[in-house]
Amino acid sequence: MAKRKYNRGHIVPQRWVFGGYCPETKKGFLEIVPNRSADILIVKHISPGSIIISDE
């Protein structure tokens, strides 16, 4: 999320964030995740049979 321009300045630590939103209940969540494994994230947060839309 942060990039040094012209190799100047200090490096900002980066964190991965996972989020989801349910349009029916209008509830969403964001969570900082140390492990980006899709299996772990999907099993923990997504109900079976849900439709998943991703940017990748």
PDB file of N, CA and C in Angstrom:
ATOM      1  N   MET A   1       0.803  -1.181   0.000  1.00  0.00           N
ATOM      2  CA  MET A   1       0.000   0.000   0.000  1.00  0.00           C
ATOM      3  C   MET A   1       0.853   1.255   0.000  1.00  0.00           C
ATOM      4  N   ALA A   2       2.124   1.108   0.237  1.00  0.00           N
ATOM      5  CA  ALA A   2       2.998   2.275   0.253  1.00  0.00           C
ATOM      6  C   ALA A   2       4.223   1.973  -0.592  1.00  0.00           C
ATOM      7  N   LYS A   3       4.694   2.943  -1.333  1.00  0.00           N
ATOM      8  CA  LYS A   3       5.855   2.750  -2.186  1.00  0.00           C
ATOM      9  C   LYS A   3       6.749   3.972  -2.073  1.00  0.00           C
ATOM     10  N   ARG A   4       8.048   3.711  -1.997  1.00  0.00           N
ATOM     11  CA  ARG A   4       8.988   4.824  -1.940  1.00  0.00           C
ATOM     12  C   ARG A   4       9.164   5.404  -3.329  1.00  0.00           C
ATOM     13  N   LYS A   5       9.189   6.715  -3.409  1.00  0.00           N
ATOM     14  CA  LYS A   5       9.376   7.383  -4.684  1.00  0.00           C
ATOM     15  C   LYS A   5      10.833   7.789  -4.801  1.00  0.00           C
ATOM     16  N   TYR A   6      11.458   7.425  -5.892  1.00  0.00           N
ATOM     17  CA  TYR A   6      12.862   7.742  -6.164  1.00  0.00           C
ATOM     18  C   TYR A   6      13.792   7.186  -5.085  1.00  0.00           C
ATOM     19  N   ASN A   7      13.419   6.061  -4.462  1.00  0.00           N
ATOM     20  CA  ASN A   7      14.233   5.391  -3.433  1.00  0.00           C
ATOM     21  C   ASN A   7      14.559   6.304  -2.261  1.00  0.00           C
ATOM     22  N   ARG A   8      13.644   7.169  -1.892  1.00  0.00           N
ATOM     23  CA  ARG A   8      13.857   8.077  -0.768  1.00  0.00           C
ATOM     24  C   ARG A   8      12.892   7.741   0.354  1.00  0.00           C
ATOM     25  N   GLY A   9      13.226   8.200   1.550  1.00  0.00           N
ATOM     26  CA  GLY A   9      12.342   8.011   2.695  1.00  0.00           C
ATOM     27  C   GLY A   9      12.505   6.646   3.325  1.00  0.00           C
ATOM     28  N   HIS A  10      11.678   6.380   4.303  1.00  0.00           N
ATOM     29  CA  HIS A  10      11.758   5.100   5.002  1.00  0.00           C
ATOM     30  C   HIS A  10      10.651   4.167   4.508  1.00  0.00           C
ATOM     31  N   ILE A  11      10.879   2.882   4.693  1.00  0.00           N
ATOM     32  CA  ILE A  11       9.912   1.875   4.268  1.00  0.00           C
ATOM     33  C   ILE A  11       8.831   1.755   5.343  1.00  0.00           C
ATOM     34  N   VAL A  12       7.589   1.844   4.936  1.00  0.00           N
ATOM     35  CA  VAL A  12       6.464   1.715   5.851  1.00  0.00           C
ATOM     36  C   VAL A  12       6.054   0.246   5.897  1.00  0.00           C
ATOM     37  N   PRO A  13       5.928  -0.330   7.109  1.00  0.00           N
ATOM     38  CA  PRO A  13       5.519  -1.736   7.182  1.00  0.00           C
ATOM     39  C   PRO A  13       4.142  -1.936   6.550  1.00  0.00           C
ATOM     40  N   GLN A  14       3.999  -3.034   5.814  1.00  0.00           N
ATOM     41  CA  GLN A  14       2.741  -3.308   5.130  1.00  0.00           C
ATOM     42  C   GLN A  14       1.992  -4.423   5.843  1.00  0.00           C
ATOM     43  N   ARG A  15       0.673  -4.334   5.806  1.00  0.00           N
ATOM     44  CA  ARG A  15      -0.176  -5.368   6.387  1.00  0.00           C
ATOM     45  C   ARG A  15      -1.231  -5.744   5.364  1.00  0.00           C
ATOM     46  N   TRP A  16      -1.605  -7.018   5.376  1.00  0.00           N
ATOM     47  CA  TRP A  16      -2.662  -7.487   4.490  1.00  0.00           C
ATOM     48  C   TRP A  16      -3.986  -7.403   5.224  1.00  0.00           C
ATOM     49  N   VAL A  17      -5.004  -6.912   4.532  1.00  0.00           N
ATOM     50  CA  VAL A  17      -6.333  -6.754   5.117  1.00  0.00           C
ATOM     51  C   VAL A  17      -7.331  -7.559   4.287  1.00  0.00           C
ATOM     52  N   PHE A  18      -8.165  -8.305   4.981  1.00  0.00           N
ATOM     53  CA  PHE A  18      -9.224  -9.093   4.348  1.00  0.00           C
ATOM     54  C   PHE A  18     -10.557  -8.518   4.792  1.00  0.00           C
ATOM     55  N   GLY A  19     -11.501  -8.394   3.864  1.00  0.00           N
ATOM     56  CA  GLY A  19     -12.796  -7.835   4.223  1.00  0.00           C
ATOM     57  C   GLY A  19     -13.917  -8.496   3.463  1.00  0.00           C
ATOM     58  N   GLY A  20     -15.107  -8.288   3.965  1.00  0.00           N
ATOM     59  CA  GLY A  20     -16.283  -8.828   3.311  1.00  0.00           C
ATOM     60  C   GLY A  20     -17.491  -7.966   3.608  1.00  0.00           C
ATOM     61  N   TYR A  21     -18.514  -8.101   2.761  1.00  0.00           N
ATOM     62  CA  TYR A  21     -19.734  -7.308   2.916  1.00  0.00           C
ATOM     63  C   TYR A  21     -20.931  -8.136   2.484  1.00  0.00           C
ATOM     64  N   CYS A  22     -21.992  -8.088   3.263  1.00  0.00           N
ATOM     65  CA  CYS A  22     -23.242  -8.765   2.929  1.00  0.00           C
ATOM     66  C   CYS A  22     -24.277  -7.705   2.583  1.00  0.00           C
ATOM     67  N   PRO A  23     -24.695  -7.624   1.311  1.00  0.00           N
ATOM     68  CA  PRO A  23     -25.667  -6.597   0.930  1.00  0.00           C
ATOM     69  C   PRO A  23     -27.056  -6.809   1.544  1.00  0.00           C
ATOM     70  N   GLU A  24     -27.386  -8.035   1.917  1.00  0.00           N
ATOM     71  CA  GLU A  24     -28.697  -8.303   2.513  1.00  0.00           C
ATOM     72  C   GLU A  24     -28.797  -7.746   3.930  1.00  0.00           C
ATOM     73  N   THR A  25     -27.777  -7.996   4.749  1.00  0.00           N
ATOM     74  CA  THR A  25     -27.790  -7.516   6.136  1.00  0.00           C
ATOM     75  C   THR A  25     -27.108  -6.159   6.275  1.00  0.00           C
ATOM     76  N   LYS A  26     -26.428  -5.724   5.211  1.00  0.00           N
ATOM     77  CA  LYS A  26     -25.680  -4.463   5.195  1.00  0.00           C
ATOM     78  C   LYS A  26     -24.617  -4.416   6.287  1.00  0.00           C
ATOM     79  N   LYS A  27     -24.004  -5.572   6.531  1.00  0.00           N
ATOM     80  CA  LYS A  27     -22.918  -5.659   7.500  1.00  0.00           C
ATOM     81  C   LYS A  27     -21.639  -6.027   6.768  1.00  0.00           C
ATOM     82  N   GLY A  28     -20.548  -5.453   7.224  1.00  0.00           N
ATOM     83  CA  GLY A  28     -19.249  -5.744   6.640  1.00  0.00           C
ATOM     84  C   GLY A  28     -18.217  -5.943   7.732  1.00  0.00           C
ATOM     85  N   PHE A  29     -17.047  -6.401   7.339  1.00  0.00           N
ATOM     86  CA  PHE A  29     -15.967  -6.584   8.299  1.00  0.00           C
ATOM     87  C   PHE A  29     -14.633  -6.394   7.606  1.00  0.00           C
ATOM     88  N   LEU A  30     -13.637  -6.006   8.369  1.00  0.00           N
ATOM     89  CA  LEU A  30     -12.244  -5.924   7.928  1.00  0.00           C
ATOM     90  C   LEU A  30     -11.393  -6.580   8.997  1.00  0.00           C
ATOM     91  N   GLU A  31     -10.366  -7.296   8.570  1.00  0.00           N
ATOM     92  CA  GLU A  31      -9.491  -7.973   9.520  1.00  0.00           C
ATOM     93  C   GLU A  31      -8.070  -7.977   8.977  1.00  0.00           C
ATOM     94  N   ILE A  32      -7.119  -7.633   9.834  1.00  0.00           N
ATOM     95  CA  ILE A  32      -5.704  -7.731   9.469  1.00  0.00           C
ATOM     96  C   ILE A  32      -5.317  -9.203   9.553  1.00  0.00           C
ATOM     97  N   VAL A  33      -4.708  -9.717   8.482  1.00  0.00           N
ATOM     98  CA  VAL A  33      -4.384 -11.141   8.436  1.00  0.00           C
ATOM     99  C   VAL A  33      -2.880 -11.349   8.261  1.00  0.00           C
ATOM    100  N   PRO A  34      -2.290 -12.205   9.098  1.00  0.00           N
ATOM    101  CA  PRO A  34      -0.867 -12.512   8.948  1.00  0.00           C
ATOM    102  C   PRO A  34      -0.618 -13.536   7.847  1.00  0.00           C
ATOM    103  N   ASN A  35      -1.613 -14.394   7.572  1.00  0.00           N
ATOM    104  CA  ASN A  35      -1.472 -15.463   6.589  1.00  0.00           C
ATOM    105  C   ASN A  35      -2.523 -15.242   5.505  1.00  0.00           C
ATOM    106  N   ARG A  36      -2.094 -15.110   4.253  1.00  0.00           N
ATOM    107  CA  ARG A  36      -3.022 -14.816   3.163  1.00  0.00           C
ATOM    108  C   ARG A  36      -3.597 -16.062   2.515  1.00  0.00           C
ATOM    109  N   SER A  37      -3.482 -17.197   3.139  1.00  0.00           N
ATOM    110  CA  SER A  37      -3.991 -18.435   2.557  1.00  0.00           C
ATOM    111  C   SER A  37      -5.505 -18.339   2.358  1.00  0.00           C
ATOM    112  N   ALA A  38      -5.962 -18.532   1.132  1.00  0.00           N
ATOM    113  CA  ALA A  38      -7.385 -18.402   0.812  1.00  0.00           C
ATOM    114  C   ALA A  38      -8.226 -19.423   1.569  1.00  0.00           C
ATOM    115  N   ASP A  39      -7.721 -20.625   1.729  1.00  0.00           N
ATOM    116  CA  ASP A  39      -8.484 -21.664   2.418  1.00  0.00           C
ATOM    117  C   ASP A  39      -8.837 -21.248   3.839  1.00  0.00           C
ATOM    118  N   ILE A  40      -7.870 -20.721   4.559  1.00  0.00           N
ATOM    119  CA  ILE A  40      -8.088 -20.315   5.948  1.00  0.00           C
ATOM    120  C   ILE A  40      -9.098 -19.174   6.018  1.00  0.00           C
ATOM    121  N   LEU A  41      -8.945 -18.169   5.164  1.00  0.00           N
ATOM    122  CA  LEU A  41      -9.833 -17.006   5.199  1.00  0.00           C
ATOM    123  C   LEU A  41     -11.263 -17.370   4.815  1.00  0.00           C
ATOM    124  N   ILE A  42     -11.430 -18.195   3.801  1.00  0.00           N
ATOM    125  CA  ILE A  42     -12.774 -18.562   3.346  1.00  0.00           C
ATOM    126  C   ILE A  42     -13.492 -19.413   4.387  1.00  0.00           C
ATOM    127  N   VAL A  43     -12.826 -20.397   4.940  1.00  0.00           N
ATOM    128  CA  VAL A  43     -13.458 -21.273   5.928  1.00  0.00           C
ATOM    129  C   VAL A  43     -13.865 -20.482   7.167  1.00  0.00           C
ATOM    130  N   LYS A  44     -13.058 -19.525   7.564  1.00  0.00           N
ATOM    131  CA  LYS A  44     -13.319 -18.776   8.796  1.00  0.00           C
ATOM    132  C   LYS A  44     -14.463 -17.775   8.641  1.00  0.00           C
ATOM    133  N   HIS A  45     -14.620 -17.157   7.471  1.00  0.00           N
ATOM    134  CA  HIS A  45     -15.537 -16.030   7.334  1.00  0.00           C
ATOM    135  C   HIS A  45     -16.709 -16.227   6.376  1.00  0.00           C
ATOM    136  N   ILE A  46     -16.664 -17.186   5.479  1.00  0.00           N
ATOM    137  CA  ILE A  46     -17.671 -17.300   4.430  1.00  0.00           C
ATOM    138  C   ILE A  46     -18.541 -18.534   4.657  1.00  0.00           C
ATOM    139  N   SER A  47     -19.842 -18.347   4.598  1.00  0.00           N
ATOM    140  CA  SER A  47     -20.787 -19.461   4.768  1.00  0.00           C
ATOM    141  C   SER A  47     -20.770 -20.349   3.525  1.00  0.00           C
ATOM    142  N   PRO A  48     -20.967 -21.659   3.696  1.00  0.00           N
ATOM    143  CA  PRO A  48     -21.022 -22.553   2.545  1.00  0.00           C
ATOM    144  C   PRO A  48     -22.145 -22.135   1.593  1.00  0.00           C
ATOM    145  N   GLY A  49     -21.867 -22.178   0.293  1.00  0.00           N
ATOM    146  CA  GLY A  49     -22.848 -21.812  -0.710  1.00  0.00           C
ATOM    147  C   GLY A  49     -22.860 -20.338  -1.071  1.00  0.00           C
ATOM    148  N   SER A  50     -22.028 -19.532  -0.412  1.00  0.00           N
ATOM    149  CA  SER A  50     -21.980 -18.098  -0.705  1.00  0.00           C
ATOM    150  C   SER A  50     -21.288 -17.847  -2.036  1.00  0.00           C
ATOM    151  N   ILE A  51     -21.637 -16.746  -2.685  1.00  0.00           N
ATOM    152  CA  ILE A  51     -20.986 -16.333  -3.925  1.00  0.00           C
ATOM    153  C   ILE A  51     -19.813 -15.438  -3.558  1.00  0.00           C
ATOM    154  N   ILE A  52     -18.633 -15.757  -4.085  1.00  0.00           N
ATOM    155  CA  ILE A  52     -17.422 -14.995  -3.783  1.00  0.00           C
ATOM    156  C   ILE A  52     -17.008 -14.228  -5.024  1.00  0.00           C
ATOM    157  N   ILE A  53     -16.810 -12.916  -4.875  1.00  0.00           N
ATOM    158  CA  ILE A  53     -16.345 -12.064  -5.964  1.00  0.00           C
ATOM    159  C   ILE A  53     -14.995 -11.500  -5.546  1.00  0.00           C
ATOM    160  N   SER A  54     -13.979 -11.684  -6.388  1.00  0.00           N
ATOM    161  CA  SER A  54     -12.624 -11.264  -6.056  1.00  0.00           C
ATOM    162  C   SER A  54     -12.061 -10.395  -7.167  1.00  0.00           C
ATOM    163  N   ASP A  55     -11.049  -9.607  -6.832  1.00  0.00           N
ATOM    164  CA  ASP A  55     -10.395  -8.783  -7.847  1.00  0.00           C
ATOM    165  C   ASP A  55      -9.290  -9.544  -8.561  1.00  0.00           C
ATOM    166  N   GLU A  56      -9.078 -10.799  -8.226  1.00  0.00           N
ATOM    167  CA  GLU A  56      -8.046 -11.600  -8.891  1.00  0.00           C
ATOM    168  C   GLU A  56      -8.649 -12.775  -9.602  1.00  0.00           C
TER     169      GLU A  56
END
